[in-house]
Amino acid sequence: MVRVIMHGCNGVMGQVITGMAKDMEGLTIVAGIDLKNDKENGYPVYASLEECKEEADVVVDFASPKAADHLMDFCAEKKLGLVLCTTGLSEEQIKKVKETAEKPLCHPKSILSDHTELFFCC
């Protein structure tokens, strides 16, 4: 079972992924990270990564470019896989994404649900 932290869980795409994950075998969202906690997600939601105590294999991100640097540092430090889907990253952030992706954190694993394929590092 792949354990996921949904970063940006209460945004539009976070809610789409939350809904999709409910029907996916082999995957469970164990926690969410969002400054807003105004939705019923079926998992605990924290305002920061540091508050989250649930064990996870990967973070799926649909948050904000402002949060991307800290998220990459956090995942590298904790050796968590990261699916970074936030758009609007600066050139400097894109460079950091490439550098962070070079670090040997994990191996790729594919999880299929119907015709949707999500790739995670875990």
C-alpha atoms as a PDB file:
ATOM      1  CA  MET A   1       0.000   0.000   0.000  1.00  0.00           C
ATOM      2  CA  VAL A   2       1.425   3.372  -1.045  1.00  0.00           C
ATOM      3  CA  ARG A   3       0.833   5.979   1.662  1.00  0.00           C
ATOM      4  CA  VAL A   4       0.332   9.509   0.305  1.00  0.00           C
ATOM      5  CA  ILE A   5       0.397  12.967   1.843  1.00  0.00           C
ATOM      6  CA  MET A   6      -1.721  15.281  -0.328  1.00  0.00           C
ATOM      7  CA  HIS A   7      -0.041  18.713  -0.313  1.00  0.00           C
ATOM      8  CA  GLY A   8      -2.621  21.337  -1.277  1.00  0.00           C
ATOM      9  CA  CYS A   9      -5.444  18.925  -0.497  1.00  0.00           C
ATOM     10  CA  ASN A  10      -8.245  21.491  -0.312  1.00  0.00           C
ATOM     11  CA  GLY A  11      -7.543  23.157  -3.635  1.00  0.00           C
ATOM     12  CA  VAL A  12      -9.344  22.151  -6.827  1.00  0.00           C
ATOM     13  CA  MET A  13      -6.777  19.590  -7.981  1.00  0.00           C
ATOM     14  CA  GLY A  14      -6.172  18.344  -4.443  1.00  0.00           C
ATOM     15  CA  GLN A  15      -9.866  17.535  -4.237  1.00  0.00           C
ATOM     16  CA  VAL A  16      -9.776  15.804  -7.641  1.00  0.00           C
ATOM     17  CA  ILE A  17      -6.849  13.602  -6.530  1.00  0.00           C
ATOM     18  CA  THR A  18      -8.561  12.919  -3.192  1.00  0.00           C
ATOM     19  CA  GLY A  19     -11.647  11.723  -5.042  1.00  0.00           C
ATOM     20  CA  MET A  20      -9.643   9.564  -7.443  1.00  0.00           C
ATOM     21  CA  ALA A  21      -7.612   8.011  -4.645  1.00  0.00           C
ATOM     22  CA  LYS A  22     -10.756   6.704  -2.939  1.00  0.00           C
ATOM     23  CA  ASP A  23     -11.224   4.276  -5.843  1.00  0.00           C
ATOM     24  CA  MET A  24      -7.587   3.282  -6.295  1.00  0.00           C
ATOM     25  CA  GLU A  25      -6.332  -0.036  -5.009  1.00  0.00           C
ATOM     26  CA  GLY A  26      -2.890  -0.027  -3.454  1.00  0.00           C
ATOM     27  CA  LEU A  27      -2.986   3.671  -2.540  1.00  0.00           C
ATOM     28  CA  THR A  28      -4.269   5.571   0.455  1.00  0.00           C
ATOM     29  CA  ILE A  29      -4.047   9.237   1.374  1.00  0.00           C
ATOM     30  CA  VAL A  30      -2.958   9.252   5.007  1.00  0.00           C
ATOM     31  CA  ALA A  31      -2.909  13.043   5.525  1.00  0.00           C
ATOM     32  CA  GLY A  32      -3.328  16.369   3.802  1.00  0.00           C
ATOM     33  CA  ILE A  33      -1.491  19.664   4.027  1.00  0.00           C
ATOM     34  CA  ASP A  34      -3.376  22.901   3.426  1.00  0.00           C
ATOM     35  CA  LEU A  35      -3.714  26.285   5.093  1.00  0.00           C
ATOM     36  CA  LYS A  36      -7.492  25.986   4.676  1.00  0.00           C
ATOM     37  CA  ASN A  37      -9.221  23.176   6.537  1.00  0.00           C
ATOM     38  CA  ASP A  38     -12.754  23.651   5.271  1.00  0.00           C
ATOM     39  CA  LYS A  39     -13.408  20.291   3.575  1.00  0.00           C
ATOM     40  CA  GLU A  40     -14.206  16.791   4.808  1.00  0.00           C
ATOM     41  CA  ASN A  41     -11.509  14.656   3.206  1.00  0.00           C
ATOM     42  CA  GLY A  42     -11.581  11.461   5.218  1.00  0.00           C
ATOM     43  CA  TYR A  43      -8.018  12.047   6.438  1.00  0.00           C
ATOM     44  CA  PRO A  44      -6.432  14.532   8.845  1.00  0.00           C
ATOM     45  CA  VAL A  45      -5.393  17.913   7.423  1.00  0.00           C
ATOM     46  CA  TYR A  46      -2.491  19.939   8.814  1.00  0.00           C
ATOM     47  CA  ALA A  47      -1.400  23.516   8.150  1.00  0.00           C
ATOM     48  CA  SER A  48       2.253  22.472   7.677  1.00  0.00           C
ATOM     49  CA  LEU A  49       4.368  19.463   6.803  1.00  0.00           C
ATOM     50  CA  GLU A  50       6.038  19.638  10.204  1.00  0.00           C
ATOM     51  CA  GLU A  51       2.702  19.145  11.996  1.00  0.00           C
ATOM     52  CA  CYS A  52       1.973  15.935  10.088  1.00  0.00           C
ATOM     53  CA  LYS A  53       2.798  12.827  12.121  1.00  0.00           C
ATOM     54  CA  GLU A  54       1.480  10.173   9.712  1.00  0.00           C
ATOM     55  CA  GLU A  55       4.049   7.940   8.010  1.00  0.00           C
ATOM     56  CA  ALA A  56       4.032   8.211   4.215  1.00  0.00           C
ATOM     57  CA  ASP A  57       5.895   7.050   1.137  1.00  0.00           C
ATOM     58  CA  VAL A  58       5.241  10.018  -1.142  1.00  0.00           C
ATOM     59  CA  VAL A  59       3.905  13.558  -1.226  1.00  0.00           C
ATOM     60  CA  VAL A  60       1.649  14.559  -4.119  1.00  0.00           C
ATOM     61  CA  ASP A  61       1.731  18.331  -4.534  1.00  0.00           C
ATOM     62  CA  PHE A  62      -0.837  20.675  -6.035  1.00  0.00           C
ATOM     63  CA  ALA A  63      -0.145  23.699  -3.878  1.00  0.00           C
ATOM     64  CA  SER A  64       1.650  26.967  -4.593  1.00  0.00           C
ATOM     65  CA  PRO A  65       5.053  27.912  -6.005  1.00  0.00           C
ATOM     66  CA  LYS A  66       5.658  29.707  -2.690  1.00  0.00           C
ATOM     67  CA  ALA A  67       5.617  26.326  -0.935  1.00  0.00           C
ATOM     68  CA  ALA A  68       7.738  24.393  -3.465  1.00  0.00           C
ATOM     69  CA  ASP A  69      11.227  25.114  -2.073  1.00  0.00           C
ATOM     70  CA  HIS A  70      10.355  24.058   1.454  1.00  0.00           C
ATOM     71  CA  LEU A  71       8.475  21.016   0.135  1.00  0.00           C
ATOM     72  CA  MET A  72      11.487  19.826  -1.880  1.00  0.00           C
ATOM     73  CA  ASP A  73      13.806  20.316   1.104  1.00  0.00           C
ATOM     74  CA  PHE A  74      11.399  18.487   3.413  1.00  0.00           C
ATOM     75  CA  CYS A  75      10.997  15.512   1.063  1.00  0.00           C
ATOM     76  CA  ALA A  76      14.750  15.242   0.466  1.00  0.00           C
ATOM     77  CA  GLU A  77      15.453  15.357   4.202  1.00  0.00           C
ATOM     78  CA  LYS A  78      12.775  12.751   5.020  1.00  0.00           C
ATOM     79  CA  LYS A  79      13.595  10.666   1.922  1.00  0.00           C
ATOM     80  CA  LEU A  80      10.011  10.923   0.719  1.00  0.00           C
ATOM     81  CA  GLY A  81       9.074  10.564  -2.918  1.00  0.00           C
ATOM     82  CA  LEU A  82       7.569  13.691  -4.438  1.00  0.00           C
ATOM     83  CA  VAL A  83       5.132  14.195  -7.293  1.00  0.00           C
ATOM     84  CA  LEU A  84       5.449  17.956  -7.836  1.00  0.00           C
ATOM     85  CA  CYS A  85       2.494  19.208  -9.889  1.00  0.00           C
ATOM     86  CA  THR A  86       2.483  22.879  -8.920  1.00  0.00           C
ATOM     87  CA  THR A  87       2.721  25.207 -11.905  1.00  0.00           C
ATOM     88  CA  GLY A  88       4.267  28.671 -12.100  1.00  0.00           C
ATOM     89  CA  LEU A  89       7.675  27.723 -10.718  1.00  0.00           C
ATOM     90  CA  SER A  90      10.497  30.216 -11.256  1.00  0.00           C
ATOM     91  CA  GLU A  91      13.591  29.305 -13.277  1.00  0.00           C
ATOM     92  CA  GLU A  92      15.503  28.967 -10.009  1.00  0.00           C
ATOM     93  CA  GLN A  93      12.875  26.592  -8.640  1.00  0.00           C
ATOM     94  CA  ILE A  94      12.918  24.513 -11.830  1.00  0.00           C
ATOM     95  CA  LYS A  95      16.680  24.207 -11.445  1.00  0.00           C
ATOM     96  CA  LYS A  96      16.178  23.055  -7.855  1.00  0.00           C
ATOM     97  CA  VAL A  97      13.605  20.492  -9.026  1.00  0.00           C
ATOM     98  CA  LYS A  98      16.162  19.046 -11.442  1.00  0.00           C
ATOM     99  CA  GLU A  99      18.884  18.977  -8.786  1.00  0.00           C
ATOM    100  CA  THR A 100      16.583  17.401  -6.208  1.00  0.00           C
ATOM    101  CA  ALA A 101      15.402  14.794  -8.728  1.00  0.00           C
ATOM    102  CA  GLU A 102      19.025  13.654  -9.159  1.00  0.00           C
ATOM    103  CA  LYS A 103      19.202  12.535  -5.524  1.00  0.00           C
ATOM    104  CA  PRO A 104      18.679   8.788  -5.066  1.00  0.00           C
ATOM    105  CA  LEU A 105      15.551   8.885  -2.926  1.00  0.00           C
ATOM    106  CA  CYS A 106      13.509   6.086  -4.355  1.00  0.00           C
ATOM    107  CA  HIS A 107      12.602   3.857  -7.279  1.00  0.00           C
ATOM    108  CA  PRO A 108       9.639   4.409  -9.609  1.00  0.00           C
ATOM    109  CA  LYS A 109       6.403   2.563  -9.011  1.00  0.00           C
ATOM    110  CA  SER A 110       3.312   2.749 -11.161  1.00  0.00           C
ATOM    111  CA  ILE A 111      -0.213   2.412  -9.836  1.00  0.00           C
ATOM    112  CA  LEU A 112      -3.104   1.897 -12.233  1.00  0.00           C
ATOM    113  CA  SER A 113      -6.750   2.738 -11.667  1.00  0.00           C
ATOM    114  CA  ASP A 114      -9.120   2.297 -14.600  1.00  0.00           C
ATOM    115  CA  HIS A 115      -7.475   4.302 -17.383  1.00  0.00           C
ATOM    116  CA  THR A 116      -5.680   6.698 -15.068  1.00  0.00           C
ATOM    117  CA  GLU A 117      -2.027   6.074 -14.402  1.00  0.00           C
ATOM    118  CA  LEU A 118      -0.239   7.952 -11.656  1.00  0.00           C
ATOM    119  CA  PHE A 119       3.497   7.592 -11.215  1.00  0.00           C
ATOM    120  CA  PHE A 120       4.942   7.824  -7.753  1.00  0.00           C
ATOM    121  CA  CYS A 121       8.398   7.565  -6.316  1.00  0.00           C
ATOM    122  CA  CYS A 122       8.299   5.458  -3.221  1.00  0.00           C
END
